[in-house]
Amino acid sequence: MFRLSIRGETVDSFRVTEDSNGFTINSDELFQNVTFHIVGLENVESCKIKILFEDGSQTIDSKDIIYNTGVFDARNWIEVNESSSDPVSKARIFIDSYELSTNPKIEHWLSKKNTNSVPYLSTPSPSRSANPDNPPIIIVSVDSLRHDRLSRFKPLLNEMDGAVTPSEPRTQGTSTWPAHASLFTGVHPLEHGCTNDAIAPQIDPSLTTLAELLEKHGYRNSAVVSSGNLSPQLGYGRGFHRYQVQDIDWKRRERDVRTVFRTFKDWMSADIKSGATRGSYFLHIFDVHYPYIPPDHYAGSTDFDFSQYDTYVELAKNRDYVDLLKHDPLNIDEITINQITGLYDRCVDFVVDQLLDLILYLKRVDVYDDSLIIIAGDHGEDFYERNFIYHHSLYNENIKPGMIVKPPASGGFSVPDEVDYIDILPTIASLLGSEKAVDQSSGSPFTERTPEQPRITERLLDTYNVSIELHGEKLIFTYTGNKEPSKLVEGGPSYIEQSSDDGYRAVESRDELTEAEYELETHVRSFVKDRSFSVDSSDKNISSEVEDRLEELGYK
């Protein structure tokens, strides 16, 4: 939520610039009131916000707001609504100071809940009057949704008239950070820089994000996300008018897909009432993600002992990619796997029911037909297929997410079977007639994709791994060593994984590659050479707090 207003009327023509701890608003119209959110408060004892209302270089009014949230407070965001004594054209809003919890037990508990360690402000962008011919755009990211689970989406698909489920979608990132950054920018992780091995993953500020593109076309952009991994600080909030982080609450379920969709409905209903019917909405839901805990009424009569999670995780813990690749099948019993996947499926069923309710709402408010709707996993999930769990591999279980695309009734494009995450931005840009954004992207509009384009997904962690597909052939190349990717590929791959009857088999690289291997490896070399963003994988001096958080989420 972010608003500027004077005497209750919303001010639309304003520009926002960000800095490290806040933002500055410059408005063409005078305003008196600002409304915004402070987010990431669950680890915060107290927080002081300062607001300076200015006209030109003169300070007209100032506000110091102090919040004492208290530890274990259920709120992870607070709405702030403050007014100046007189109308102004400028406001500077920033976090003046804060104090964090110092209780080790609380910090450990918070790390398991995937909360943010510091408070920050939800940063806005200006709203404009959109072209009435532009379709509403709704993108729902279902974190960790496998493609093979679309078989459980039948009730939803029956309700989604005109929807298409691409048979061979691909993500360009193996986990939340890089996948969403590729969705938002239309480029690969090596280009946007938001990777799991980066010290401070952040979207390259020189790239135009999807929300920034839409803002230039008059869209009011809104987002609700279920994980601090998509914090606006990392660049995901750029271009959004409203950006709210609702870290999922696994235990009490006070925040989950239902609260995300409830917030969306409140926003859309308010937008429709105000006449702003051409908005964009990004909704990120975490309910299918590990630890796969469904609400009680979806858990059924399962007698699963959640302590088995320790056994499930321990086998693959602290093993690097090469170790898992070369290791004999890990000894995980089938009963445990079936129970884990059973819980995952119940989480999927819960999300499907909520998505169905969302689609019915869109039909009730007469928005469904006109809208472009995309429902997609940011990646899939591994369940010990070939020794991998969570989302670390480049096998199809992980890089082939579930995807549903419902084009707007006005048309504009068809949906092919092969859709890459990096194709979404250029497809929307093409729909709006924005050629510059299409040029930025490494992907292609849906209508322009050709079989000659290799499909590439990267993994940047302990090793640099590249999955490449072309002409029905897929290989996975693994490059080892503490060098940036451009240096690693010069020495050739250490391992090559080839498709076989039982899935994949890994072979150590050899001096002479087969013709198919040589062709695809040449494409990889060219791909890396053309990507300018440098990721130095030799520098891994990240904080113990970040280390623990990544480990808890399965990103290490």
Protein backbone atom coordinates (compact mmCIF):
# COMPACT_ATOMS: atom_id res chain seq x y z
CA MET A 1 0.00 0.00 0.00
CA PHE A 2 1.24 3.47 -0.86
CA ARG A 3 -0.84 6.61 -1.33
CA LEU A 4 -0.45 10.35 -1.67
CA SER A 5 -3.58 12.38 -1.07
CA ILE A 6 -4.92 15.82 -0.32
CA ARG A 7 -8.31 16.21 1.35
CA GLY A 8 -9.01 12.54 0.72
CA GLU A 9 -8.39 12.69 -3.04
CA THR A 10 -5.59 10.49 -4.41
CA VAL A 11 -2.65 12.20 -6.11
CA ASP A 12 -1.46 10.24 -9.15
CA SER A 13 1.37 12.21 -10.78
CA PHE A 14 4.37 11.60 -8.56
CA ARG A 15 7.90 10.21 -8.90
CA VAL A 16 9.80 8.23 -6.31
CA THR A 17 13.55 7.80 -5.89
CA GLU A 18 15.03 5.24 -3.50
CA ASP A 19 18.11 5.18 -1.31
CA SER A 20 19.52 2.71 1.19
CA ASN A 21 16.98 3.29 3.96
CA GLY A 22 14.00 5.06 2.44
CA PHE A 23 12.68 7.09 -0.46
CA THR A 24 11.93 10.62 -1.65
CA ILE A 25 8.68 11.65 -3.33
CA ASN A 26 8.43 14.56 -5.75
CA SER A 27 4.91 15.38 -6.92
CA ASP A 28 3.54 17.59 -9.67
CA GLU A 29 0.52 18.16 -7.46
CA LEU A 30 0.53 19.37 -3.86
CA PHE A 31 -0.33 16.71 -1.29
CA GLN A 32 -0.76 16.52 2.46
CA ASN A 33 -1.05 12.84 3.37
CA VAL A 34 1.16 9.78 2.81
CA THR A 35 0.34 6.15 3.50
CA PHE A 36 2.91 3.36 3.26
CA HIS A 37 4.10 0.15 4.96
CA ILE A 38 7.05 -0.74 7.15
CA VAL A 39 7.84 -4.43 6.59
CA GLY A 40 10.20 -7.04 8.01
CA LEU A 41 9.40 -6.31 11.68
CA GLU A 42 9.32 -9.74 13.29
CA ASN A 43 12.93 -9.51 14.46
CA VAL A 44 12.63 -5.86 15.52
CA GLU A 45 12.31 -4.54 19.09
CA SER A 46 11.78 -0.91 18.06
CA CYS A 47 11.86 1.24 14.95
CA LYS A 48 11.93 5.02 14.36
CA ILE A 49 10.61 6.47 11.10
CA LYS A 50 11.23 10.05 10.07
CA ILE A 51 9.09 11.95 7.54
CA LEU A 52 10.11 15.37 6.23
CA PHE A 53 7.39 17.24 4.35
CA GLU A 54 9.01 19.87 2.11
CA ASP A 55 8.17 22.51 -0.44
CA GLY A 56 11.22 23.26 -2.54
CA SER A 57 14.15 23.47 -0.12
CA GLN A 58 11.99 24.47 2.85
CA THR A 59 10.85 21.93 5.45
CA ILE A 60 7.15 22.55 6.14
CA ASP A 61 6.59 19.79 8.70
CA SER A 62 8.40 16.79 10.15
CA LYS A 63 7.22 13.64 11.87
CA ASP A 64 9.11 11.22 14.10
CA ILE A 65 7.20 7.97 14.57
CA ILE A 66 8.48 5.37 17.03
CA TYR A 67 7.14 1.82 17.06
CA ASN A 68 7.85 -0.70 19.80
CA THR A 69 6.66 -3.89 18.18
CA GLY A 70 7.88 -6.32 20.84
CA VAL A 71 9.37 -9.70 20.06
CA PHE A 72 7.06 -12.48 18.81
CA ASP A 73 4.61 -9.84 17.66
CA ALA A 74 2.48 -11.49 14.96
CA ARG A 75 2.75 -8.41 12.72
CA ASN A 76 5.46 -8.37 10.10
CA TRP A 77 4.26 -5.11 8.60
CA ILE A 78 2.70 -1.88 9.88
CA GLU A 79 0.73 0.68 7.91
CA VAL A 80 1.82 4.28 8.46
CA ASN A 81 -0.55 7.16 7.70
CA GLU A 82 0.76 10.68 8.38
CA SER A 83 -0.23 14.18 7.32
CA SER A 84 1.60 17.47 6.91
CA SER A 85 0.28 20.66 8.46
CA ASP A 86 0.16 22.23 4.98
CA PRO A 87 0.19 20.93 1.39
CA VAL A 88 3.67 20.11 0.05
CA SER A 89 5.28 18.95 -3.17
CA LYS A 90 7.97 16.74 -1.65
CA ALA A 91 8.39 14.23 1.16
CA ARG A 92 11.44 12.33 2.37
CA ILE A 93 10.67 9.15 4.31
CA PHE A 94 13.36 7.01 5.88
CA ILE A 95 14.19 4.64 8.74
CA ASP A 96 16.05 6.77 11.28
CA SER A 97 17.02 3.94 13.64
CA TYR A 98 15.98 0.49 14.83
CA GLU A 99 16.87 -2.15 17.40
CA LEU A 100 16.84 -5.88 16.73
CA SER A 101 16.12 -8.76 19.06
CA THR A 102 19.26 -10.16 20.72
CA ASN A 103 17.71 -13.33 22.15
CA PRO A 104 19.49 -16.33 20.50
CA LYS A 105 16.43 -18.55 20.91
CA ILE A 106 14.25 -15.98 19.17
CA GLU A 107 16.79 -15.57 16.36
CA HIS A 108 16.85 -19.34 15.83
CA TRP A 109 13.05 -19.45 15.74
CA LEU A 110 12.95 -16.57 13.29
CA SER A 111 15.48 -18.23 11.00
CA LYS A 112 13.17 -21.23 10.71
CA LYS A 113 10.30 -18.91 9.75
CA ASN A 114 12.29 -17.33 6.92
CA THR A 115 11.82 -13.79 8.21
CA ASN A 116 13.84 -10.70 7.40
CA SER A 117 16.53 -9.50 9.79
CA VAL A 118 15.99 -5.74 9.41
CA PRO A 119 13.01 -3.45 8.80
CA TYR A 120 12.54 -1.66 5.49
CA LEU A 121 9.95 0.44 3.70
CA SER A 122 7.68 -0.78 0.93
CA THR A 123 8.78 1.42 -1.94
CA PRO A 124 6.24 2.75 -4.43
CA SER A 125 6.20 3.95 -8.02
CA PRO A 126 3.87 6.50 -9.54
CA SER A 127 0.50 5.56 -10.92
CA ARG A 128 -0.86 6.87 -14.19
CA SER A 129 -3.94 6.57 -16.34
CA ALA A 130 -3.55 3.36 -18.30
CA ASN A 131 -4.53 2.80 -21.90
CA PRO A 132 -8.02 1.27 -21.66
CA ASP A 133 -7.04 -1.20 -24.39
CA ASN A 134 -4.25 -2.67 -22.27
CA PRO A 135 -5.30 -5.86 -20.48
CA PRO A 136 -5.17 -6.33 -16.72
CA ILE A 137 -2.18 -8.56 -15.94
CA ILE A 138 -2.20 -11.09 -13.10
CA ILE A 139 0.85 -13.28 -12.45
CA VAL A 140 0.71 -15.90 -9.70
CA SER A 141 3.99 -17.55 -8.76
CA VAL A 142 3.44 -20.87 -6.98
CA ASP A 143 6.85 -21.47 -5.46
CA SER A 144 8.20 -25.03 -6.05
CA LEU A 145 5.35 -26.25 -8.28
CA ARG A 146 6.32 -29.28 -10.37
CA HIS A 147 4.87 -29.70 -13.84
CA ASP A 148 3.67 -33.24 -13.16
CA ARG A 149 1.38 -31.89 -10.41
CA LEU A 150 -0.80 -30.10 -12.95
CA SER A 151 -2.74 -33.35 -12.98
CA ARG A 152 -4.18 -32.13 -9.64
CA PHE A 153 -5.32 -28.83 -11.20
CA LYS A 154 -8.30 -30.25 -13.09
CA PRO A 155 -10.99 -28.35 -11.04
CA LEU A 156 -9.15 -25.10 -11.70
CA LEU A 157 -8.53 -25.76 -15.39
CA ASN A 158 -12.18 -26.65 -15.90
CA GLU A 159 -13.03 -23.14 -14.71
CA MET A 160 -10.30 -21.31 -16.67
CA ASP A 161 -11.86 -20.78 -20.09
CA GLY A 162 -9.24 -20.22 -22.76
CA ALA A 163 -6.30 -21.29 -20.57
CA VAL A 164 -3.35 -23.20 -22.03
CA THR A 165 -0.90 -25.47 -20.19
CA PRO A 166 2.42 -25.51 -22.09
CA SER A 167 3.77 -29.07 -22.21
CA GLU A 168 7.45 -28.10 -22.03
CA PRO A 169 7.94 -24.94 -19.95
CA ARG A 170 11.37 -24.11 -18.48
CA THR A 171 12.62 -21.83 -15.74
CA GLN A 172 16.00 -20.10 -16.03
CA GLY A 173 16.79 -20.31 -12.32
CA THR A 174 16.86 -23.33 -10.03
CA SER A 175 15.59 -21.46 -6.96
CA THR A 176 13.53 -18.45 -5.85
CA TRP A 177 16.03 -15.60 -6.27
CA PRO A 178 17.35 -16.24 -9.77
CA ALA A 179 14.07 -17.58 -11.18
CA HIS A 180 12.03 -14.54 -10.20
CA ALA A 181 14.76 -12.14 -11.28
CA SER A 182 14.68 -13.82 -14.72
CA LEU A 183 10.90 -13.50 -14.79
CA PHE A 184 11.13 -9.80 -13.90
CA THR A 185 13.93 -8.93 -16.36
CA GLY A 186 13.72 -11.45 -19.20
CA VAL A 187 17.41 -12.33 -18.86
CA HIS A 188 19.48 -15.19 -17.41
CA PRO A 189 21.02 -15.19 -13.91
CA LEU A 190 24.50 -14.42 -15.30
CA GLU A 191 23.01 -11.18 -16.65
CA HIS A 192 20.77 -10.01 -13.81
CA GLY A 193 23.18 -11.05 -11.05
CA CYS A 194 20.58 -12.24 -8.55
CA THR A 195 22.09 -15.67 -7.87
CA ASN A 196 22.41 -17.96 -4.89
CA ASP A 197 26.19 -17.66 -4.77
CA ALA A 198 26.17 -13.86 -4.77
CA ILE A 199 27.13 -12.19 -1.49
CA ALA A 200 24.24 -9.74 -1.76
CA PRO A 201 21.95 -10.95 -4.55
CA GLN A 202 20.36 -8.00 -6.29
CA ILE A 203 18.85 -7.40 -9.70
CA ASP A 204 21.20 -5.40 -11.89
CA PRO A 205 19.87 -1.81 -11.58
CA SER A 206 20.62 -1.11 -15.26
CA LEU A 207 17.93 -3.60 -16.33
CA THR A 208 14.30 -2.59 -16.80
CA THR A 209 12.01 -4.78 -14.71
CA LEU A 210 8.59 -5.95 -15.83
CA ALA A 211 6.89 -3.63 -13.31
CA GLU A 212 8.94 -0.65 -14.53
CA LEU A 213 7.95 -1.48 -18.11
CA LEU A 214 4.28 -1.68 -17.14
CA GLU A 215 4.49 1.57 -15.17
CA LYS A 216 5.70 3.34 -18.31
CA HIS A 217 2.52 2.08 -20.01
CA GLY A 218 0.29 3.51 -17.32
CA TYR A 219 -0.22 0.45 -15.12
CA ARG A 220 -0.72 0.66 -11.37
CA ASN A 221 1.49 -2.22 -10.18
CA SER A 222 0.84 -4.22 -7.02
CA ALA A 223 2.61 -7.17 -5.45
CA VAL A 224 2.15 -9.43 -2.43
CA VAL A 225 4.91 -11.96 -1.75
CA SER A 226 5.09 -14.78 0.78
CA SER A 227 8.84 -14.79 1.40
CA GLY A 228 11.49 -12.28 2.38
CA ASN A 229 13.60 -13.83 -0.38
CA LEU A 230 11.74 -11.44 -2.68
CA SER A 231 12.42 -8.37 -0.57
CA PRO A 232 12.04 -5.07 -2.43
CA GLN A 233 15.58 -4.25 -1.28
CA LEU A 234 16.89 -6.82 -3.76
CA GLY A 235 15.31 -5.03 -6.71
CA TYR A 236 12.08 -7.01 -6.89
CA GLY A 237 10.09 -3.99 -5.72
CA ARG A 238 11.22 -1.68 -8.50
CA GLY A 239 8.28 -0.27 -10.43
CA PHE A 240 5.59 -1.37 -7.99
CA HIS A 241 3.06 1.04 -6.54
CA ARG A 242 2.18 -1.35 -3.72
CA TYR A 243 4.55 -4.07 -2.49
CA GLN A 244 3.81 -6.10 0.57
CA VAL A 245 5.82 -8.94 2.12
CA GLN A 246 3.73 -11.49 4.04
CA ASP A 247 6.18 -14.14 5.23
CA ILE A 248 4.24 -17.38 5.46
CA ASP A 249 3.29 -18.49 8.95
CA TRP A 250 3.51 -22.27 8.87
CA LYS A 251 2.38 -22.80 12.45
CA ARG A 252 -0.58 -20.48 13.03
CA ARG A 253 -1.46 -19.97 9.34
CA GLU A 254 -2.09 -16.29 10.00
CA ARG A 255 -0.30 -15.58 6.73
CA ASP A 256 -0.49 -17.93 3.79
CA VAL A 257 -2.02 -18.08 0.31
CA ARG A 258 -5.39 -17.05 1.73
CA THR A 259 -4.10 -13.75 3.15
CA VAL A 260 -2.14 -13.06 -0.05
CA PHE A 261 -5.26 -13.54 -2.16
CA ARG A 262 -7.38 -11.59 0.33
CA THR A 263 -5.01 -8.63 0.04
CA PHE A 264 -5.15 -8.90 -3.74
CA LYS A 265 -8.95 -8.91 -3.74
CA ASP A 266 -9.06 -5.88 -1.43
CA TRP A 267 -6.69 -4.00 -3.72
CA MET A 268 -8.44 -4.98 -6.94
CA SER A 269 -11.88 -4.16 -5.54
CA ALA A 270 -10.60 -0.72 -4.45
CA ASP A 271 -8.99 -0.21 -7.87
CA ILE A 272 -12.18 -1.13 -9.69
CA LYS A 273 -14.15 1.25 -7.47
CA SER A 274 -11.72 4.09 -8.27
CA GLY A 275 -11.84 3.31 -12.00
CA ALA A 276 -8.25 1.96 -12.17
CA THR A 277 -9.19 -1.27 -13.93
CA ARG A 278 -5.98 -1.63 -15.94
CA GLY A 279 -3.58 -2.72 -13.23
CA SER A 280 -0.97 -5.42 -12.88
CA TYR A 281 -0.73 -7.76 -9.90
CA PHE A 282 2.07 -10.10 -8.91
CA LEU A 283 1.20 -12.70 -6.26
CA HIS A 284 3.83 -15.04 -4.84
CA ILE A 285 2.71 -17.96 -2.68
CA PHE A 286 4.98 -20.22 -0.63
CA ASP A 287 2.52 -22.88 0.54
CA VAL A 288 3.89 -25.64 -1.72
CA HIS A 289 7.50 -24.96 -0.70
CA TYR A 290 9.47 -27.09 1.79
CA PRO A 291 8.65 -28.04 4.59
CA TYR A 292 5.36 -28.99 2.80
CA ILE A 293 3.06 -28.38 5.77
CA PRO A 294 -0.60 -28.25 4.70
CA PRO A 295 -3.31 -26.68 6.87
CA ASP A 296 -4.81 -29.14 9.35
CA HIS A 297 -8.00 -29.68 7.36
CA TYR A 298 -5.90 -30.68 4.31
CA ALA A 299 -3.43 -32.86 6.21
CA GLY A 300 -6.06 -35.58 6.53
CA SER A 301 -5.41 -38.60 8.70
CA THR A 302 -1.68 -38.77 7.98
CA ASP A 303 0.34 -40.15 10.86
CA PHE A 304 3.56 -38.69 9.47
CA ASP A 305 6.21 -38.13 12.11
CA PHE A 306 7.66 -34.71 11.27
CA SER A 307 10.93 -35.69 12.93
CA GLN A 308 11.49 -37.78 9.78
CA TYR A 309 12.29 -34.50 8.05
CA ASP A 310 15.67 -34.70 9.77
CA THR A 311 16.35 -38.08 8.17
CA TYR A 312 15.05 -36.87 4.83
CA VAL A 313 17.29 -33.81 4.82
CA GLU A 314 20.39 -35.27 6.47
CA LEU A 315 21.27 -37.67 3.66
CA ALA A 316 21.87 -34.87 1.20
CA LYS A 317 23.02 -32.25 3.70
CA ASN A 318 26.51 -30.76 3.26
CA ARG A 319 27.05 -32.65 0.00
CA ASP A 320 28.10 -30.68 -3.02
CA TYR A 321 26.78 -31.20 -6.53
CA VAL A 322 29.65 -33.39 -7.71
CA ASP A 323 29.42 -35.61 -4.63
CA LEU A 324 25.71 -36.20 -5.22
CA LEU A 325 26.34 -36.71 -8.93
CA LYS A 326 28.96 -39.43 -8.42
CA HIS A 327 27.42 -41.06 -5.35
CA ASP A 328 25.53 -44.33 -5.47
CA PRO A 329 21.79 -43.94 -4.83
CA LEU A 330 21.35 -42.58 -1.32
CA ASN A 331 19.60 -44.87 1.11
CA ILE A 332 16.27 -43.16 1.64
CA ASP A 333 13.35 -45.50 2.23
CA GLU A 334 10.37 -45.40 -0.09
CA ILE A 335 7.86 -44.99 2.75
CA THR A 336 9.46 -41.71 3.84
CA ILE A 337 9.54 -40.44 0.24
CA ASN A 338 5.87 -41.32 -0.23
CA GLN A 339 4.91 -39.55 2.99
CA ILE A 340 6.89 -36.44 2.06
CA THR A 341 5.41 -36.29 -1.44
CA GLY A 342 1.97 -36.98 0.04
CA LEU A 343 2.28 -33.84 2.18
CA TYR A 344 3.50 -31.91 -0.86
CA ASP A 345 0.43 -33.05 -2.81
CA ARG A 346 -1.89 -31.94 -0.03
CA CYS A 347 -0.25 -28.51 -0.15
CA VAL A 348 -0.85 -28.46 -3.91
CA ASP A 349 -4.52 -29.38 -3.39
CA PHE A 350 -4.88 -26.55 -0.87
CA VAL A 351 -3.38 -24.05 -3.33
CA VAL A 352 -5.58 -25.30 -6.18
CA ASP A 353 -8.70 -24.64 -4.09
CA GLN A 354 -7.52 -21.11 -3.33
CA LEU A 355 -6.68 -20.47 -7.00
CA LEU A 356 -10.14 -21.67 -7.96
CA ASP A 357 -11.67 -19.18 -5.53
CA LEU A 358 -9.46 -16.46 -7.05
CA ILE A 359 -10.62 -17.22 -10.60
CA LEU A 360 -14.26 -17.20 -9.51
CA TYR A 361 -13.68 -13.78 -7.90
CA LEU A 362 -12.19 -12.44 -11.15
CA LYS A 363 -15.28 -13.63 -12.99
CA ARG A 364 -17.62 -12.05 -10.43
CA VAL A 365 -15.97 -8.64 -10.81
CA ASP A 366 -15.94 -9.05 -14.62
CA VAL A 367 -12.16 -8.94 -14.99
CA TYR A 368 -11.38 -12.52 -16.00
CA ASP A 369 -12.05 -12.34 -19.75
CA ASP A 370 -10.01 -9.20 -20.38
CA SER A 371 -7.05 -10.30 -18.28
CA LEU A 372 -3.74 -11.92 -19.10
CA ILE A 373 -3.34 -14.51 -16.34
CA ILE A 374 -0.17 -16.53 -15.77
CA ILE A 375 0.04 -19.14 -13.01
CA ALA A 376 3.47 -20.77 -12.83
CA GLY A 377 5.98 -22.40 -10.56
CA ASP A 378 9.24 -20.46 -10.29
CA HIS A 379 10.89 -23.89 -10.39
CA GLY A 380 9.88 -27.45 -9.55
CA GLU A 381 11.12 -29.71 -6.76
CA ASP A 382 13.39 -32.74 -6.41
CA PHE A 383 12.38 -35.69 -4.22
CA TYR A 384 15.64 -37.66 -4.23
CA GLU A 385 15.44 -38.39 -7.94
CA ARG A 386 19.11 -39.12 -8.68
CA ASN A 387 20.05 -38.11 -5.09
CA PHE A 388 18.81 -34.49 -5.20
CA ILE A 389 16.24 -32.83 -2.93
CA TYR A 390 14.68 -29.35 -2.70
CA HIS A 391 15.53 -27.44 -5.89
CA HIS A 392 19.22 -27.88 -6.59
CA SER A 393 19.26 -29.91 -9.80
CA LEU A 394 18.91 -29.16 -13.49
CA TYR A 395 16.71 -32.19 -14.09
CA ASN A 396 13.20 -31.65 -15.42
CA GLU A 397 11.70 -32.35 -11.99
CA ASN A 398 13.13 -28.98 -10.98
CA ILE A 399 13.50 -26.82 -14.11
CA LYS A 400 10.19 -27.82 -15.73
CA PRO A 401 7.64 -26.05 -13.51
CA GLY A 402 3.90 -26.19 -13.80
CA MET A 403 2.53 -23.35 -15.95
CA ILE A 404 -0.91 -22.10 -17.01
CA VAL A 405 -1.39 -19.15 -19.38
CA LYS A 406 -4.74 -17.50 -20.08
CA PRO A 407 -4.36 -14.86 -22.84
CA PRO A 408 -6.63 -11.80 -22.78
CA ALA A 409 -9.86 -12.07 -24.73
CA SER A 410 -8.53 -9.41 -27.11
CA GLY A 411 -5.90 -11.92 -28.22
CA GLY A 412 -2.48 -10.74 -29.22
CA PHE A 413 -0.60 -14.02 -29.00
CA SER A 414 -0.86 -17.78 -28.94
CA VAL A 415 0.85 -19.96 -26.34
CA PRO A 416 3.43 -22.49 -27.61
CA ASP A 417 4.35 -25.73 -25.85
CA GLU A 418 7.89 -24.50 -25.26
CA VAL A 419 7.77 -21.47 -22.96
CA ASP A 420 10.76 -20.14 -21.03
CA TYR A 421 10.49 -17.86 -18.01
CA ILE A 422 12.53 -15.26 -19.90
CA ASP A 423 9.87 -15.26 -22.65
CA ILE A 424 7.21 -13.74 -20.38
CA LEU A 425 8.58 -10.18 -20.24
CA PRO A 426 9.13 -9.85 -24.02
CA THR A 427 5.69 -11.37 -24.66
CA ILE A 428 4.04 -8.72 -22.48
CA ALA A 429 6.28 -6.01 -23.93
CA SER A 430 5.32 -7.04 -27.46
CA LEU A 431 1.65 -7.02 -26.48
CA LEU A 432 2.09 -3.40 -25.34
CA GLY A 433 4.23 -2.42 -28.34
CA SER A 434 7.44 -1.88 -26.37
CA GLU A 435 10.28 -2.97 -28.66
CA LYS A 436 13.03 -1.66 -26.36
CA ALA A 437 12.09 -4.09 -23.60
CA VAL A 438 11.97 -6.92 -26.13
CA ASP A 439 15.53 -6.04 -27.18
CA GLN A 440 16.72 -6.25 -23.55
CA SER A 441 15.45 -9.78 -23.10
CA SER A 442 17.34 -12.98 -23.80
CA GLY A 443 13.98 -14.60 -24.45
CA SER A 444 11.45 -14.11 -27.23
CA PRO A 445 7.77 -13.23 -27.46
CA PHE A 446 5.70 -16.41 -27.55
CA THR A 447 4.84 -15.85 -31.20
CA GLU A 448 8.49 -15.50 -32.26
CA ARG A 449 10.14 -18.49 -30.56
CA THR A 450 11.95 -20.79 -33.02
CA PRO A 451 13.39 -24.32 -32.74
CA GLU A 452 16.86 -22.88 -33.43
CA GLN A 453 16.99 -21.16 -30.04
CA PRO A 454 18.83 -23.21 -27.39
CA ARG A 455 17.04 -23.41 -24.03
CA ILE A 456 19.43 -22.74 -21.16
CA THR A 457 19.06 -22.94 -17.38
CA GLU A 458 21.92 -22.15 -15.01
CA ARG A 459 22.82 -23.20 -11.49
CA LEU A 460 25.36 -21.03 -9.66
CA LEU A 461 26.29 -22.46 -6.27
CA ASP A 462 29.22 -24.70 -5.34
CA THR A 463 29.73 -25.40 -9.06
CA TYR A 464 28.64 -23.73 -12.28
CA ASN A 465 26.14 -25.99 -14.05
CA VAL A 466 24.36 -25.40 -17.33
CA SER A 467 21.45 -27.33 -18.80
CA ILE A 468 21.13 -26.81 -22.53
CA GLU A 469 18.49 -28.19 -24.89
CA LEU A 470 18.47 -27.98 -28.66
CA HIS A 471 16.82 -30.08 -31.39
CA GLY A 472 15.49 -32.59 -28.85
CA GLU A 473 18.90 -33.15 -27.24
CA LYS A 474 19.58 -32.18 -23.62
CA LEU A 475 22.95 -32.14 -21.84
CA ILE A 476 24.01 -30.84 -18.44
CA PHE A 477 27.55 -29.49 -18.19
CA THR A 478 29.27 -29.12 -14.81
CA TYR A 479 32.24 -26.77 -14.43
CA THR A 480 34.23 -26.95 -11.20
CA GLY A 481 36.69 -24.53 -9.62
CA ASN A 482 36.76 -21.18 -7.81
CA LYS A 483 36.56 -18.95 -10.86
CA GLU A 484 33.89 -16.89 -12.50
CA PRO A 485 31.91 -18.79 -15.17
CA SER A 486 33.66 -17.13 -18.12
CA LYS A 487 36.96 -18.55 -16.86
CA LEU A 488 35.51 -21.94 -15.96
CA VAL A 489 34.07 -22.66 -19.39
CA GLU A 490 37.42 -21.96 -21.03
CA GLY A 491 38.80 -25.08 -19.35
CA GLY A 492 35.89 -27.23 -20.48
CA PRO A 493 33.35 -29.15 -18.39
CA SER A 494 34.40 -31.53 -15.63
CA TYR A 495 31.26 -33.63 -16.09
CA ILE A 496 28.64 -34.13 -18.77
CA GLU A 497 25.23 -35.57 -17.99
CA GLN A 498 23.36 -37.33 -20.76
CA SER A 499 19.81 -38.58 -20.93
CA SER A 500 19.44 -42.34 -20.64
CA ASP A 501 16.65 -44.88 -20.20
CA ASP A 502 16.81 -44.57 -16.40
CA GLY A 503 17.03 -40.79 -16.35
CA TYR A 504 20.56 -39.43 -16.65
CA ARG A 505 24.07 -40.77 -16.48
CA ALA A 506 27.11 -38.66 -15.70
CA VAL A 507 30.42 -39.06 -17.47
CA GLU A 508 33.67 -37.29 -16.73
CA SER A 509 34.66 -34.94 -19.48
CA ARG A 510 37.10 -36.22 -22.04
CA ASP A 511 39.48 -34.68 -24.53
CA GLU A 512 37.27 -35.46 -27.51
CA LEU A 513 33.56 -34.72 -27.31
CA THR A 514 30.94 -36.33 -29.49
CA GLU A 515 29.49 -34.19 -32.25
CA ALA A 516 26.33 -33.47 -30.24
CA GLU A 517 28.33 -32.68 -27.08
CA TYR A 518 30.64 -30.36 -29.00
CA GLU A 519 27.74 -28.47 -30.59
CA LEU A 520 25.95 -27.87 -27.30
CA GLU A 521 29.13 -27.06 -25.40
CA THR A 522 30.00 -24.49 -28.07
CA HIS A 523 26.60 -22.87 -27.46
CA VAL A 524 27.36 -22.77 -23.71
CA ARG A 525 30.74 -21.09 -24.33
CA SER A 526 29.07 -18.50 -26.56
CA PHE A 527 26.28 -17.99 -24.03
CA VAL A 528 28.69 -17.30 -21.16
CA LYS A 529 30.94 -15.09 -23.27
CA ASP A 530 28.00 -12.87 -24.25
CA ARG A 531 26.86 -12.38 -20.65
CA SER A 532 28.61 -9.44 -19.03
CA PHE A 533 27.49 -9.72 -15.41
CA SER A 534 30.42 -11.12 -13.40
CA VAL A 535 29.70 -13.44 -10.51
CA ASP A 536 32.81 -14.15 -8.44
CA SER A 537 32.16 -17.56 -6.93
CA SER A 538 35.49 -17.52 -5.08
CA ASP A 539 34.21 -15.00 -2.55
CA LYS A 540 31.83 -16.76 -0.19
CA ASN A 541 32.28 -14.61 2.96
CA ILE A 542 28.62 -14.20 3.73
CA SER A 543 27.30 -13.82 7.25
CA SER A 544 26.50 -16.80 9.45
CA GLU A 545 22.91 -15.55 9.59
CA VAL A 546 22.57 -15.76 5.81
CA GLU A 547 24.35 -19.14 5.83
CA ASP A 548 21.84 -20.51 8.36
CA ARG A 549 18.87 -19.12 6.45
CA LEU A 550 20.01 -20.59 3.15
CA GLU A 551 20.62 -23.94 4.78
CA GLU A 552 17.20 -23.95 6.44
CA LEU A 553 15.54 -23.29 3.08
CA GLY A 554 17.60 -25.91 1.32
CA TYR A 555 19.57 -23.42 -0.80
CA LYS A 556 22.93 -24.83 0.35
